[in-house]
Amino acid sequence: MKLDILFHYDVNEQTGEITYIGKEEIHVDTVATKKAASSKSSSAKVDENPEPIITLDSNKLILTQGAVDLLQVCADCRVDIKYKKKDKKAVPIIGTDAAFGTKSGNKLTKSNTVSYRGAANEKLSAYGTTFKLEPTEDKGIYYLVGDKIQEENSVPDEIIDIENELDIESLDNINIDEDDKDLEKFDFNLN
């Protein structure tokens, strides 16, 4: 039960005089309000699928019970996604903050979801929306294998092969003494 009290005053703007008129008591049944709020939170279902699958939603990650068990996380444990180089490509990996040895990541809710918004969500969406977990060589850390096929990043033609562009042989033939401070033998013209 909640009681709200409203006090009424009359204010004379010309004289600045304030006169008390009366009060009004409003009773609010908070028990009914709490029941309505709790029924909303219990409507969020936990995915009991034993397969370790993570689904990327517009602003969160949804973990199946199998993924929660594999990661060994509970409600309020932190889960983080990082990127690791594998076969010359960056791939997403997931683990707890303890497995990564950091204090980062977002907390797992009771409904097995993790907040995952903005740029991080967009970056992960390039790999897919449904991910299977595959073990890495590190304990407690798993690869996120998405349902999107990754394109090979082709090297643009504009990129120059630095080995062919530099005249390495002529640099090797220069006689340089450690104590020599004379820079006149070098040509600093950029052509």
Protein backbone atom coordinates (compact mmCIF):
# COMPACT_ATOMS: atom_id res chain seq x y z
CA MET A 1 0.00 0.00 0.00
CA LYS A 2 1.27 3.43 -0.93
CA LEU A 3 -0.15 6.75 0.20
CA ASP A 4 0.29 9.90 -1.88
CA ILE A 5 -0.63 13.24 -0.32
CA LEU A 6 -1.27 16.33 -2.43
CA PHE A 7 -1.24 19.73 -0.70
CA HIS A 8 -3.20 22.56 -2.34
CA TYR A 9 -2.17 26.21 -1.99
CA ASP A 10 -3.44 29.46 -3.43
CA VAL A 11 -0.72 31.91 -4.49
CA ASN A 12 -1.43 35.59 -5.01
CA GLU A 13 1.11 36.59 -7.62
CA GLN A 14 0.79 40.31 -6.97
CA THR A 15 1.35 40.24 -3.21
CA GLY A 16 3.26 36.95 -2.97
CA GLU A 17 0.85 35.72 -0.29
CA ILE A 18 0.45 31.91 -0.03
CA THR A 19 -2.76 30.49 1.49
CA TYR A 20 -3.21 26.82 2.45
CA ILE A 21 -6.39 25.40 0.91
CA GLY A 22 -6.29 21.74 1.92
CA LYS A 23 -4.85 18.29 1.23
CA GLU A 24 -5.87 15.25 -0.78
CA GLU A 25 -4.88 11.66 0.10
CA ILE A 26 -4.54 9.11 -2.70
CA HIS A 27 -4.19 5.40 -1.82
CA VAL A 28 -2.31 3.26 -4.37
CA ASP A 29 -2.44 -0.55 -4.22
CA THR A 30 1.23 -1.51 -4.81
CA VAL A 31 0.61 -5.25 -4.36
CA ALA A 32 -1.35 -5.44 -7.62
CA THR A 33 1.29 -3.34 -9.38
CA LYS A 34 4.10 -5.67 -8.26
CA LYS A 35 2.18 -8.74 -9.45
CA ALA A 36 1.72 -7.19 -12.88
CA ALA A 37 5.42 -6.34 -13.10
CA SER A 38 6.56 -9.78 -11.98
CA SER A 39 4.35 -11.55 -14.52
CA LYS A 40 6.08 -9.57 -17.26
CA SER A 41 9.57 -10.64 -16.15
CA SER A 42 8.57 -14.29 -15.83
CA SER A 43 7.28 -14.28 -19.41
CA ALA A 44 10.89 -14.29 -20.72
CA LYS A 45 11.57 -17.92 -21.53
CA VAL A 46 14.92 -19.65 -21.18
CA ASP A 47 15.89 -21.68 -24.25
CA GLU A 48 16.35 -25.19 -22.83
CA ASN A 49 18.09 -26.46 -26.01
CA PRO A 50 21.07 -28.64 -24.94
CA GLU A 51 22.93 -27.66 -28.14
CA PRO A 52 25.46 -24.84 -27.48
CA ILE A 53 24.02 -22.14 -29.76
CA ILE A 54 24.11 -18.35 -29.44
CA THR A 55 21.70 -16.14 -31.37
CA LEU A 56 22.49 -12.50 -32.13
CA ASP A 57 19.45 -10.26 -31.73
CA SER A 58 19.24 -6.53 -32.50
CA ASN A 59 20.58 -5.56 -29.08
CA LYS A 60 21.47 -8.77 -27.24
CA LEU A 61 22.89 -12.28 -27.40
CA ILE A 62 20.54 -15.15 -26.58
CA LEU A 63 22.29 -18.23 -25.16
CA THR A 64 20.75 -21.69 -25.12
CA GLN A 65 21.02 -23.72 -21.93
CA GLY A 66 23.68 -25.82 -23.68
CA ALA A 67 25.78 -22.68 -24.32
CA VAL A 68 25.38 -21.58 -20.69
CA ASP A 69 26.48 -25.02 -19.47
CA LEU A 70 29.45 -25.15 -21.86
CA LEU A 71 30.67 -21.66 -20.89
CA GLN A 72 29.99 -22.51 -17.22
CA VAL A 73 28.32 -19.17 -16.51
CA CYS A 74 25.47 -18.18 -14.22
CA ALA A 75 23.24 -15.14 -13.92
CA ASP A 76 25.35 -12.01 -13.24
CA CYS A 77 28.54 -13.66 -14.58
CA ARG A 78 30.31 -11.61 -17.25
CA VAL A 79 30.54 -12.89 -20.84
CA ASP A 80 32.82 -11.24 -23.40
CA ILE A 81 33.43 -11.55 -27.14
CA LYS A 82 36.85 -10.82 -28.56
CA TYR A 83 38.46 -11.47 -31.95
CA LYS A 84 41.39 -13.81 -32.56
CA LYS A 85 43.50 -14.39 -35.66
CA LYS A 86 42.86 -17.83 -37.17
CA ASP A 87 44.11 -18.76 -40.65
CA LYS A 88 44.99 -15.11 -41.40
CA LYS A 89 41.43 -13.98 -40.55
CA ALA A 90 39.94 -12.45 -37.42
CA VAL A 91 37.28 -14.73 -35.93
CA PRO A 92 35.04 -14.07 -32.93
CA ILE A 93 35.69 -15.95 -29.70
CA ILE A 94 33.56 -16.02 -26.55
CA GLY A 95 34.35 -16.70 -22.93
CA THR A 96 33.94 -15.44 -19.41
CA ASP A 97 35.93 -12.52 -18.10
CA ALA A 98 37.79 -15.02 -15.89
CA ALA A 99 38.75 -17.13 -18.93
CA PHE A 100 40.12 -14.04 -20.70
CA GLY A 101 41.73 -12.79 -17.50
CA THR A 102 40.02 -9.40 -17.76
CA LYS A 103 37.25 -7.46 -16.04
CA SER A 104 35.26 -6.81 -19.20
CA GLY A 105 32.13 -8.10 -20.86
CA ASN A 106 28.43 -7.89 -20.10
CA LYS A 107 26.43 -9.68 -17.43
CA LEU A 108 24.30 -12.73 -18.20
CA THR A 109 20.66 -12.28 -17.17
CA LYS A 110 18.41 -14.89 -15.58
CA SER A 111 16.79 -15.41 -18.99
CA ASN A 112 20.23 -16.32 -20.49
CA THR A 113 20.67 -13.12 -22.49
CA VAL A 114 23.60 -10.73 -22.64
CA SER A 115 23.33 -7.08 -23.68
CA TYR A 116 25.24 -6.60 -26.94
CA ARG A 117 24.59 -3.32 -28.75
CA GLY A 118 25.98 -0.79 -31.16
CA ALA A 119 29.24 -1.22 -33.06
CA ALA A 120 30.03 -4.52 -31.32
CA ASN A 121 26.70 -5.95 -32.49
CA GLU A 122 27.28 -4.74 -36.05
CA LYS A 123 30.78 -6.21 -36.15
CA LEU A 124 29.57 -9.61 -34.95
CA SER A 125 26.63 -9.57 -37.38
CA ALA A 126 29.15 -9.75 -40.25
CA TYR A 127 29.77 -13.34 -39.11
CA GLY A 128 26.08 -14.30 -38.87
CA THR A 129 23.14 -14.33 -36.50
CA THR A 130 23.27 -17.91 -35.24
CA PHE A 131 26.55 -19.22 -33.84
CA LYS A 132 27.73 -22.66 -32.79
CA LEU A 133 30.49 -22.93 -30.20
CA GLU A 134 33.70 -24.79 -31.05
CA PRO A 135 36.53 -25.20 -28.53
CA THR A 136 39.79 -23.29 -28.87
CA GLU A 137 43.16 -24.30 -27.50
CA ASP A 138 42.43 -22.07 -24.47
CA LYS A 139 40.31 -23.43 -21.62
CA GLY A 140 36.89 -21.78 -21.29
CA ILE A 141 37.15 -19.91 -24.60
CA TYR A 142 35.23 -20.97 -27.72
CA TYR A 143 35.12 -19.98 -31.38
CA LEU A 144 31.81 -18.54 -32.56
CA VAL A 145 31.10 -20.23 -35.89
CA GLY A 146 28.44 -18.16 -37.63
CA ASP A 147 25.91 -19.00 -40.30
CA LYS A 148 27.32 -16.44 -42.77
CA ILE A 149 30.08 -17.43 -45.15
CA GLN A 150 33.02 -15.08 -44.76
CA GLU A 151 34.29 -13.42 -47.89
CA GLU A 152 37.98 -13.56 -48.59
CA ASN A 153 39.40 -10.09 -48.21
CA SER A 154 41.13 -9.50 -51.51
CA VAL A 155 44.24 -7.34 -51.50
CA PRO A 156 43.67 -4.13 -53.49
CA ASP A 157 45.88 -3.45 -56.51
CA GLU A 158 46.97 -0.15 -55.00
CA ILE A 159 48.97 -1.91 -52.30
CA ILE A 160 52.66 -1.79 -53.21
CA ASP A 161 55.08 -4.63 -52.64
CA ILE A 162 57.58 -2.81 -50.46
CA GLU A 163 60.36 -5.32 -51.16
CA ASN A 164 60.32 -4.55 -54.89
CA GLU A 165 59.97 -0.79 -54.48
CA LEU A 166 62.99 -0.25 -52.23
CA ASP A 167 66.49 -0.44 -53.57
CA ILE A 168 67.73 -2.74 -50.82
CA GLU A 169 71.04 -3.62 -52.50
CA SER A 170 72.22 0.00 -52.68
CA LEU A 171 71.40 0.49 -48.99
CA ASP A 172 73.53 -2.52 -48.08
CA ASN A 173 76.52 -1.12 -49.94
CA ILE A 174 76.64 2.16 -48.00
CA ASN A 175 79.57 2.36 -45.64
CA ILE A 176 78.28 3.79 -42.37
CA ASP A 177 80.45 4.27 -39.29
CA GLU A 178 78.78 4.44 -35.90
CA ASP A 179 80.67 7.62 -35.00
CA ASP A 180 80.06 9.31 -38.37
CA LYS A 181 77.56 12.16 -38.04
CA ASP A 182 77.95 13.46 -41.59
CA LEU A 183 74.68 13.04 -43.49
CA GLU A 184 75.82 14.62 -46.77
CA LYS A 185 76.30 11.25 -48.47
CA PHE A 186 72.53 10.60 -48.25
CA ASP A 187 70.07 11.92 -50.79
CA PHE A 188 66.85 13.04 -49.10
CA ASN A 189 64.98 14.08 -52.25
CA LEU A 190 61.60 12.46 -52.71
CA ASN A 191 60.93 11.97 -56.40
